[in-house]
């Protein structure tokens, strides 16, 4: 999702000077990044999957 959101952010920033009262503002796209990991638990021989990091952005607002 990082690439499509970056494209949308770029379009919004380009439109902001022309229609500032109608363009939404979002936090930077980079906060959408997260890391994942997986492996085998050596004590139980079970497979595990995990992830951490921010998985979404905050609320929307108007450009000022």
C-alpha atoms as a PDB file:
ATOM      1  CA  UNK A   1       0.000   0.000   0.000  1.00  0.00           C
ATOM      2  CA  UNK A   2       2.931   2.383   0.397  1.00  0.00           C
ATOM      3  CA  UNK A   3       3.307   3.084  -3.333  1.00  0.00           C
ATOM      4  CA  UNK A   4      -0.378   3.805  -4.069  1.00  0.00           C
ATOM      5  CA  UNK A   5      -0.648   6.022  -0.987  1.00  0.00           C
ATOM      6  CA  UNK A   6       2.452   7.969  -2.071  1.00  0.00           C
ATOM      7  CA  UNK A   7       0.869   8.567  -5.470  1.00  0.00           C
ATOM      8  CA  UNK A   8      -2.368   9.768  -3.841  1.00  0.00           C
ATOM      9  CA  UNK A   9      -0.396  12.064  -1.498  1.00  0.00           C
ATOM     10  CA  UNK A  10       1.447  13.538  -4.484  1.00  0.00           C
ATOM     11  CA  UNK A  11      -1.805  14.248  -6.313  1.00  0.00           C
ATOM     12  CA  UNK A  12      -3.315  15.909  -3.220  1.00  0.00           C
ATOM     13  CA  UNK A  13      -0.224  18.098  -2.773  1.00  0.00           C
ATOM     14  CA  UNK A  14      -0.365  19.127  -6.429  1.00  0.00           C
ATOM     15  CA  UNK A  15      -4.050  20.085  -6.149  1.00  0.00           C
ATOM     16  CA  UNK A  16      -3.706  21.957  -2.822  1.00  0.00           C
ATOM     17  CA  UNK A  17      -2.670  25.345  -4.297  1.00  0.00           C
ATOM     18  CA  UNK A  18      -5.625  25.341  -6.713  1.00  0.00           C
ATOM     19  CA  UNK A  19      -8.340  24.110  -4.312  1.00  0.00           C
ATOM     20  CA  UNK A  20      -6.970  24.404  -0.751  1.00  0.00           C
ATOM     21  CA  UNK A  21     -10.401  24.218   0.894  1.00  0.00           C
ATOM     22  CA  UNK A  22     -11.250  20.883  -0.792  1.00  0.00           C
ATOM     23  CA  UNK A  23      -8.003  18.885  -0.492  1.00  0.00           C
ATOM     24  CA  UNK A  24      -7.545  16.567   2.489  1.00  0.00           C
ATOM     25  CA  UNK A  25      -4.262  16.388   4.384  1.00  0.00           C
ATOM     26  CA  UNK A  26      -2.784  13.152   5.722  1.00  0.00           C
ATOM     27  CA  UNK A  27       0.270  12.217   7.760  1.00  0.00           C
ATOM     28  CA  UNK A  28       3.325  11.074   5.747  1.00  0.00           C
ATOM     29  CA  UNK A  29       2.926   7.731   3.989  1.00  0.00           C
ATOM     30  CA  UNK A  30       6.069   6.304   5.544  1.00  0.00           C
ATOM     31  CA  UNK A  31       4.251   5.537   8.775  1.00  0.00           C
ATOM     32  CA  UNK A  32       2.425   2.763   6.922  1.00  0.00           C
ATOM     33  CA  UNK A  33       5.549   0.618   6.950  1.00  0.00           C
ATOM     34  CA  UNK A  34       5.732  -2.468   9.192  1.00  0.00           C
ATOM     35  CA  UNK A  35       8.123  -5.392   9.612  1.00  0.00           C
ATOM     36  CA  UNK A  36       7.242  -9.084   9.633  1.00  0.00           C
ATOM     37  CA  UNK A  37       9.147 -12.116  10.843  1.00  0.00           C
ATOM     38  CA  UNK A  38       8.632 -15.879  11.030  1.00  0.00           C
ATOM     39  CA  UNK A  39      10.388 -19.006  12.207  1.00  0.00           C
ATOM     40  CA  UNK A  40      10.216 -22.194  14.237  1.00  0.00           C
ATOM     41  CA  UNK A  41       9.976 -22.128  18.026  1.00  0.00           C
ATOM     42  CA  UNK A  42      12.834 -24.441  19.019  1.00  0.00           C
ATOM     43  CA  UNK A  43      11.224 -25.545  22.284  1.00  0.00           C
ATOM     44  CA  UNK A  44       7.819 -26.500  20.782  1.00  0.00           C
ATOM     45  CA  UNK A  45       8.725 -27.030  17.075  1.00  0.00           C
ATOM     46  CA  UNK A  46       5.782 -24.769  16.154  1.00  0.00           C
ATOM     47  CA  UNK A  47       5.862 -22.340  13.248  1.00  0.00           C
ATOM     48  CA  UNK A  48       5.189 -18.694  14.137  1.00  0.00           C
ATOM     49  CA  UNK A  49       4.542 -15.466  12.251  1.00  0.00           C
ATOM     50  CA  UNK A  50       4.745 -12.003  13.795  1.00  0.00           C
ATOM     51  CA  UNK A  51       4.851  -8.356  12.856  1.00  0.00           C
ATOM     52  CA  UNK A  52       5.484  -5.005  14.465  1.00  0.00           C
ATOM     53  CA  UNK A  53       5.462  -1.354  13.525  1.00  0.00           C
ATOM     54  CA  UNK A  54       2.826   1.140  12.573  1.00  0.00           C
ATOM     55  CA  UNK A  55       0.194  -0.372  10.297  1.00  0.00           C
ATOM     56  CA  UNK A  56      -1.923   2.684   9.553  1.00  0.00           C
ATOM     57  CA  UNK A  57      -2.145   6.430   9.537  1.00  0.00           C
ATOM     58  CA  UNK A  58      -4.037   8.876  11.714  1.00  0.00           C
ATOM     59  CA  UNK A  59      -7.165  10.799  10.860  1.00  0.00           C
ATOM     60  CA  UNK A  60      -7.755  13.035   7.903  1.00  0.00           C
ATOM     61  CA  UNK A  61      -7.861  16.805   7.951  1.00  0.00           C
ATOM     62  CA  UNK A  62      -8.109  19.788   5.650  1.00  0.00           C
ATOM     63  CA  UNK A  63      -5.104  21.487   4.074  1.00  0.00           C
ATOM     64  CA  UNK A  64      -4.531  24.957   5.536  1.00  0.00           C
END
